[in-house]
Amino acid sequence: MGFLIRLVVNAIALLLIEYLVPGVHVSGFGAALIAALALGIVNAVLKPILFILSLPLEVLTLGLFTLVINAALFYLVAKLGLGLTVDNFGAAFIGALALSIVSFLLSAVVGATGSSKH
């Protein structure tokens, strides 16, 4: 159940990003769900590999290179043709950063109101 909630939260976050970041376009809620799923898969599979390969840059930039990795993965998912399009890498960078923030905030709201753990 947590997976589905996180997927919907990320899809809603993508729809909000469309309005917040010029250059990021989502063709609808279904496309946002598919793109959110693709982002989740890409982040689970490729992000750890890219992080390890770029470890010297991560150390040199004190972890800020992770923002570039997030933007590259966001741009990659946009190029898959799943209903998420990004005009350029700059929009992908700002979109990935905004997606992280909006997704975190939405997850905090959903977690605060929807938790039934004792």
N, C-alpha and C. Protein backbone atom coordinates (compact mmCIF):
# COMPACT_ATOMS: atom_id res chain seq x y z
N MET A 1 0.82 -1.19 0.00
CA MET A 1 0.00 0.00 0.00
C MET A 1 0.86 1.26 0.00
N GLY A 2 1.99 1.22 0.72
CA GLY A 2 2.89 2.36 0.77
C GLY A 2 3.47 2.71 -0.58
N PHE A 3 3.73 1.67 -1.40
CA PHE A 3 4.26 1.90 -2.74
C PHE A 3 3.27 2.68 -3.59
N LEU A 4 2.01 2.31 -3.53
CA LEU A 4 0.99 3.00 -4.33
C LEU A 4 0.81 4.44 -3.87
N ILE A 5 0.85 4.67 -2.58
CA ILE A 5 0.73 6.03 -2.06
C ILE A 5 1.90 6.88 -2.53
N ARG A 6 3.10 6.32 -2.43
CA ARG A 6 4.29 7.05 -2.89
C ARG A 6 4.22 7.33 -4.39
N LEU A 7 3.72 6.38 -5.15
CA LEU A 7 3.59 6.57 -6.60
C LEU A 7 2.62 7.70 -6.91
N VAL A 8 1.48 7.72 -6.25
CA VAL A 8 0.49 8.78 -6.47
C VAL A 8 1.04 10.13 -6.01
N VAL A 9 1.74 10.16 -4.88
CA VAL A 9 2.34 11.40 -4.39
C VAL A 9 3.34 11.94 -5.39
N ASN A 10 4.18 11.07 -5.95
CA ASN A 10 5.16 11.51 -6.94
C ASN A 10 4.49 11.97 -8.22
N ALA A 11 3.39 11.32 -8.61
CA ALA A 11 2.65 11.75 -9.80
C ALA A 11 2.05 13.14 -9.59
N ILE A 12 1.47 13.36 -8.42
CA ILE A 12 0.92 14.68 -8.11
C ILE A 12 2.05 15.72 -8.07
N ALA A 13 3.19 15.33 -7.51
CA ALA A 13 4.35 16.23 -7.48
C ALA A 13 4.78 16.59 -8.90
N LEU A 14 4.77 15.62 -9.81
CA LEU A 14 5.13 15.91 -11.20
C LEU A 14 4.16 16.90 -11.83
N LEU A 15 2.87 16.74 -11.53
CA LEU A 15 1.88 17.68 -12.06
C LEU A 15 2.09 19.08 -11.50
N LEU A 16 2.47 19.17 -10.23
CA LEU A 16 2.77 20.48 -9.65
C LEU A 16 4.03 21.09 -10.26
N ILE A 17 5.00 20.26 -10.54
CA ILE A 17 6.25 20.73 -11.14
C ILE A 17 5.99 21.32 -12.51
N GLU A 18 5.03 20.76 -13.22
CA GLU A 18 4.69 21.30 -14.55
C GLU A 18 4.30 22.77 -14.44
N TYR A 19 3.60 23.14 -13.38
CA TYR A 19 3.19 24.52 -13.20
C TYR A 19 4.28 25.39 -12.58
N LEU A 20 5.18 24.80 -11.84
CA LEU A 20 6.21 25.56 -11.15
C LEU A 20 7.45 25.82 -12.00
N VAL A 21 7.78 24.87 -12.88
CA VAL A 21 9.04 24.95 -13.62
C VAL A 21 8.76 25.10 -15.11
N PRO A 22 9.13 26.22 -15.68
CA PRO A 22 8.97 26.36 -17.14
C PRO A 22 9.91 25.39 -17.85
N GLY A 23 9.40 24.72 -18.85
CA GLY A 23 10.21 23.77 -19.60
C GLY A 23 9.93 22.32 -19.25
N VAL A 24 9.13 22.09 -18.21
CA VAL A 24 8.73 20.73 -17.84
C VAL A 24 7.25 20.59 -18.17
N HIS A 25 6.91 19.55 -18.94
CA HIS A 25 5.53 19.36 -19.39
C HIS A 25 5.10 17.92 -19.13
N VAL A 26 3.88 17.77 -18.61
CA VAL A 26 3.30 16.45 -18.38
C VAL A 26 1.96 16.43 -19.11
N SER A 27 1.70 15.36 -19.86
CA SER A 27 0.51 15.33 -20.70
C SER A 27 -0.77 14.93 -19.98
N GLY A 28 -0.71 14.58 -18.71
CA GLY A 28 -1.91 14.23 -17.95
C GLY A 28 -1.57 13.41 -16.73
N PHE A 29 -2.61 13.08 -15.95
CA PHE A 29 -2.37 12.33 -14.72
C PHE A 29 -1.86 10.92 -15.00
N GLY A 30 -2.39 10.26 -16.02
CA GLY A 30 -1.90 8.92 -16.36
C GLY A 30 -0.43 8.95 -16.76
N ALA A 31 -0.06 9.94 -17.54
CA ALA A 31 1.34 10.09 -17.93
C ALA A 31 2.21 10.39 -16.71
N ALA A 32 1.67 11.17 -15.78
CA ALA A 32 2.42 11.47 -14.56
C ALA A 32 2.64 10.21 -13.73
N LEU A 33 1.62 9.34 -13.66
CA LEU A 33 1.78 8.06 -12.95
C LEU A 33 2.86 7.20 -13.59
N ILE A 34 2.82 7.10 -14.91
CA ILE A 34 3.81 6.28 -15.63
C ILE A 34 5.20 6.87 -15.47
N ALA A 35 5.32 8.20 -15.58
CA ALA A 35 6.62 8.84 -15.43
C ALA A 35 7.14 8.69 -14.00
N ALA A 36 6.24 8.78 -13.01
CA ALA A 36 6.66 8.60 -11.62
C ALA A 36 7.16 7.18 -11.39
N LEU A 37 6.49 6.21 -11.99
CA LEU A 37 6.94 4.82 -11.89
C LEU A 37 8.30 4.65 -12.55
N ALA A 38 8.46 5.23 -13.73
CA ALA A 38 9.75 5.15 -14.44
C ALA A 38 10.85 5.84 -13.63
N LEU A 39 10.55 7.00 -13.05
CA LEU A 39 11.55 7.68 -12.21
C LEU A 39 11.95 6.82 -11.02
N GLY A 40 10.97 6.16 -10.42
CA GLY A 40 11.27 5.28 -9.30
C GLY A 40 12.18 4.13 -9.69
N ILE A 41 11.89 3.52 -10.83
CA ILE A 41 12.70 2.40 -11.29
C ILE A 41 14.11 2.86 -11.65
N VAL A 42 14.20 3.96 -12.39
CA VAL A 42 15.51 4.49 -12.80
C VAL A 42 16.33 4.90 -11.57
N ASN A 43 15.67 5.54 -10.60
CA ASN A 43 16.39 5.93 -9.39
C ASN A 43 16.84 4.72 -8.58
N ALA A 44 16.05 3.66 -8.58
CA ALA A 44 16.43 2.46 -7.82
C ALA A 44 17.56 1.70 -8.49
N VAL A 45 17.59 1.70 -9.82
CA VAL A 45 18.57 0.89 -10.54
C VAL A 45 19.83 1.68 -10.90
N LEU A 46 19.66 2.83 -11.54
CA LEU A 46 20.81 3.55 -12.08
C LEU A 46 21.48 4.49 -11.09
N LYS A 47 20.71 5.09 -10.20
CA LYS A 47 21.29 6.09 -9.31
C LYS A 47 22.42 5.54 -8.44
N PRO A 48 22.26 4.37 -7.82
CA PRO A 48 23.40 3.85 -7.03
C PRO A 48 24.65 3.59 -7.87
N ILE A 49 24.45 3.12 -9.09
CA ILE A 49 25.59 2.85 -9.98
C ILE A 49 26.29 4.16 -10.34
N LEU A 50 25.50 5.17 -10.73
CA LEU A 50 26.08 6.46 -11.09
C LEU A 50 26.74 7.13 -9.88
N PHE A 51 26.16 6.94 -8.72
CA PHE A 51 26.75 7.52 -7.50
C PHE A 51 28.12 6.91 -7.23
N ILE A 52 28.23 5.60 -7.35
CA ILE A 52 29.52 4.94 -7.11
C ILE A 52 30.54 5.34 -8.17
N LEU A 53 30.10 5.40 -9.43
CA LEU A 53 31.03 5.78 -10.49
C LEU A 53 31.52 7.23 -10.34
N SER A 54 30.68 8.07 -9.78
CA SER A 54 31.05 9.48 -9.63
C SER A 54 31.51 9.81 -8.21
N LEU A 55 31.88 8.81 -7.45
CA LEU A 55 32.26 9.03 -6.05
C LEU A 55 33.36 10.07 -5.87
N PRO A 56 34.39 10.10 -6.71
CA PRO A 56 35.39 11.17 -6.53
C PRO A 56 34.79 12.57 -6.69
N LEU A 57 33.88 12.73 -7.65
CA LEU A 57 33.21 14.02 -7.81
C LEU A 57 32.29 14.33 -6.65
N GLU A 58 31.65 13.30 -6.12
CA GLU A 58 30.78 13.48 -4.96
C GLU A 58 31.59 14.00 -3.77
N VAL A 59 32.75 13.42 -3.56
CA VAL A 59 33.61 13.84 -2.46
C VAL A 59 34.12 15.26 -2.70
N LEU A 60 34.56 15.51 -3.92
CA LEU A 60 35.12 16.82 -4.26
C LEU A 60 34.09 17.93 -4.12
N THR A 61 32.82 17.65 -4.48
CA THR A 61 31.77 18.67 -4.42
C THR A 61 30.93 18.57 -3.15
N LEU A 62 31.37 17.75 -2.21
CA LEU A 62 30.65 17.55 -0.95
C LEU A 62 29.22 17.08 -1.16
N GLY A 63 29.03 16.24 -2.16
CA GLY A 63 27.72 15.64 -2.42
C GLY A 63 26.83 16.41 -3.36
N LEU A 64 27.24 17.59 -3.78
CA LEU A 64 26.39 18.39 -4.66
C LEU A 64 26.27 17.80 -6.07
N PHE A 65 27.20 16.93 -6.44
CA PHE A 65 27.11 16.30 -7.76
C PHE A 65 25.88 15.40 -7.86
N THR A 66 25.32 15.02 -6.73
CA THR A 66 24.09 14.22 -6.72
C THR A 66 22.96 14.98 -7.42
N LEU A 67 22.97 16.30 -7.32
CA LEU A 67 21.96 17.10 -8.01
C LEU A 67 22.06 16.93 -9.52
N VAL A 68 23.28 16.83 -10.02
CA VAL A 68 23.49 16.63 -11.45
C VAL A 68 23.02 15.23 -11.85
N ILE A 69 23.29 14.24 -11.02
CA ILE A 69 22.82 12.88 -11.30
C ILE A 69 21.30 12.84 -11.32
N ASN A 70 20.65 13.48 -10.35
CA ASN A 70 19.19 13.54 -10.33
C ASN A 70 18.64 14.19 -11.59
N ALA A 71 19.27 15.28 -12.01
CA ALA A 71 18.82 15.97 -13.22
C ALA A 71 19.01 15.08 -14.45
N ALA A 72 20.12 14.37 -14.52
CA ALA A 72 20.37 13.49 -15.67
C ALA A 72 19.34 12.37 -15.73
N LEU A 73 18.99 11.81 -14.59
CA LEU A 73 17.98 10.75 -14.57
C LEU A 73 16.60 11.29 -14.91
N PHE A 74 16.27 12.48 -14.43
CA PHE A 74 15.00 13.14 -14.77
C PHE A 74 14.94 13.38 -16.28
N TYR A 75 16.04 13.85 -16.85
CA TYR A 75 16.14 14.11 -18.29
C TYR A 75 16.02 12.80 -19.08
N LEU A 76 16.63 11.74 -18.58
CA LEU A 76 16.56 10.43 -19.23
C LEU A 76 15.12 9.93 -19.29
N VAL A 77 14.40 10.03 -18.17
CA VAL A 77 13.00 9.58 -18.15
C VAL A 77 12.17 10.43 -19.09
N ALA A 78 12.46 11.72 -19.18
CA ALA A 78 11.72 12.58 -20.09
C ALA A 78 11.95 12.18 -21.54
N LYS A 79 13.13 11.68 -21.85
CA LYS A 79 13.45 11.28 -23.23
C LYS A 79 12.86 9.91 -23.59
N LEU A 80 12.29 9.20 -22.64
CA LEU A 80 11.70 7.89 -22.92
C LEU A 80 10.35 8.00 -23.62
N GLY A 81 9.76 9.17 -23.67
CA GLY A 81 8.48 9.36 -24.36
C GLY A 81 7.29 8.81 -23.60
N LEU A 82 7.26 9.03 -22.29
CA LEU A 82 6.19 8.50 -21.46
C LEU A 82 5.15 9.56 -21.09
N GLY A 83 5.20 10.72 -21.72
CA GLY A 83 4.27 11.79 -21.41
C GLY A 83 4.89 12.90 -20.59
N LEU A 84 6.13 12.72 -20.19
CA LEU A 84 6.90 13.76 -19.50
C LEU A 84 7.93 14.28 -20.49
N THR A 85 7.91 15.57 -20.74
CA THR A 85 8.91 16.16 -21.64
C THR A 85 9.61 17.31 -20.92
N VAL A 86 10.87 17.48 -21.26
CA VAL A 86 11.69 18.53 -20.68
C VAL A 86 12.38 19.24 -21.84
N ASP A 87 12.34 20.57 -21.83
CA ASP A 87 12.90 21.34 -22.94
C ASP A 87 14.42 21.28 -23.01
N ASN A 88 15.09 21.32 -21.86
CA ASN A 88 16.55 21.31 -21.86
C ASN A 88 17.06 20.79 -20.51
N PHE A 89 18.38 20.68 -20.40
CA PHE A 89 18.96 20.12 -19.18
C PHE A 89 18.76 21.06 -17.99
N GLY A 90 18.75 22.36 -18.25
CA GLY A 90 18.51 23.31 -17.17
C GLY A 90 17.13 23.12 -16.55
N ALA A 91 16.14 22.92 -17.40
CA ALA A 91 14.78 22.66 -16.90
C ALA A 91 14.74 21.33 -16.15
N ALA A 92 15.49 20.35 -16.63
CA ALA A 92 15.56 19.05 -15.94
C ALA A 92 16.21 19.22 -14.57
N PHE A 93 17.24 20.04 -14.48
CA PHE A 93 17.93 20.27 -13.21
C PHE A 93 16.98 20.91 -12.20
N ILE A 94 16.31 21.98 -12.62
CA ILE A 94 15.38 22.67 -11.72
C ILE A 94 14.18 21.77 -11.42
N GLY A 95 13.72 21.04 -12.43
CA GLY A 95 12.58 20.14 -12.24
C GLY A 95 12.89 19.03 -11.26
N ALA A 96 14.07 18.44 -11.36
CA ALA A 96 14.46 17.36 -10.43
C ALA A 96 14.61 17.89 -9.01
N LEU A 97 15.17 19.08 -8.87
CA LEU A 97 15.31 19.69 -7.56
C LEU A 97 13.94 20.00 -6.97
N ALA A 98 13.08 20.59 -7.78
CA ALA A 98 11.72 20.92 -7.31
C ALA A 98 10.93 19.65 -7.02
N LEU A 99 11.11 18.61 -7.82
CA LEU A 99 10.41 17.35 -7.58
C LEU A 99 10.81 16.75 -6.24
N SER A 100 12.07 16.82 -5.91
CA SER A 100 12.53 16.31 -4.61
C SER A 100 11.87 17.06 -3.46
N ILE A 101 11.81 18.37 -3.59
CA ILE A 101 11.24 19.19 -2.51
C ILE A 101 9.74 18.97 -2.40
N VAL A 102 9.03 19.04 -3.53
CA VAL A 102 7.58 18.89 -3.52
C VAL A 102 7.19 17.48 -3.08
N SER A 103 7.89 16.48 -3.56
CA SER A 103 7.60 15.10 -3.16
C SER A 103 7.83 14.91 -1.66
N PHE A 104 8.89 15.49 -1.14
CA PHE A 104 9.16 15.41 0.30
C PHE A 104 8.03 16.06 1.10
N LEU A 105 7.61 17.25 0.68
CA LEU A 105 6.54 17.95 1.39
C LEU A 105 5.22 17.19 1.32
N LEU A 106 4.87 16.69 0.13
CA LEU A 106 3.64 15.92 -0.01
C LEU A 106 3.69 14.63 0.81
N SER A 107 4.84 13.98 0.82
CA SER A 107 4.99 12.75 1.62
C SER A 107 4.84 13.05 3.10
N ALA A 108 5.35 14.19 3.54
CA ALA A 108 5.22 14.57 4.95
C ALA A 108 3.75 14.80 5.30
N VAL A 109 3.01 15.44 4.39
CA VAL A 109 1.59 15.70 4.64
C VAL A 109 0.81 14.39 4.65
N VAL A 110 1.06 13.54 3.66
CA VAL A 110 0.36 12.25 3.59
C VAL A 110 0.74 11.37 4.76
N GLY A 111 2.00 11.38 5.13
CA GLY A 111 2.45 10.57 6.26
C GLY A 111 1.86 11.04 7.57
N ALA A 112 1.67 12.34 7.72
CA ALA A 112 1.12 12.88 8.96
C ALA A 112 -0.37 12.61 9.08
N THR A 113 -1.07 12.65 7.93
CA THR A 113 -2.52 12.47 7.98
C THR A 113 -2.95 11.04 7.72
N GLY A 114 -2.09 10.28 7.04
CA GLY A 114 -2.52 8.94 6.64
C GLY A 114 -1.87 7.81 7.38
N SER A 115 -1.12 8.10 8.43
CA SER A 115 -0.46 7.00 9.13
C SER A 115 -1.40 6.36 10.13
N SER A 116 -1.40 5.04 10.12
CA SER A 116 -2.23 4.31 11.07
C SER A 116 -1.38 3.40 11.94
N LYS A 117 -0.09 3.69 12.01
CA LYS A 117 0.82 2.87 12.81
C LYS A 117 0.67 3.25 14.27
N HIS A 118 0.80 2.26 15.15
CA HIS A 118 0.70 2.50 16.59
C HIS A 118 2.03 2.34 17.24
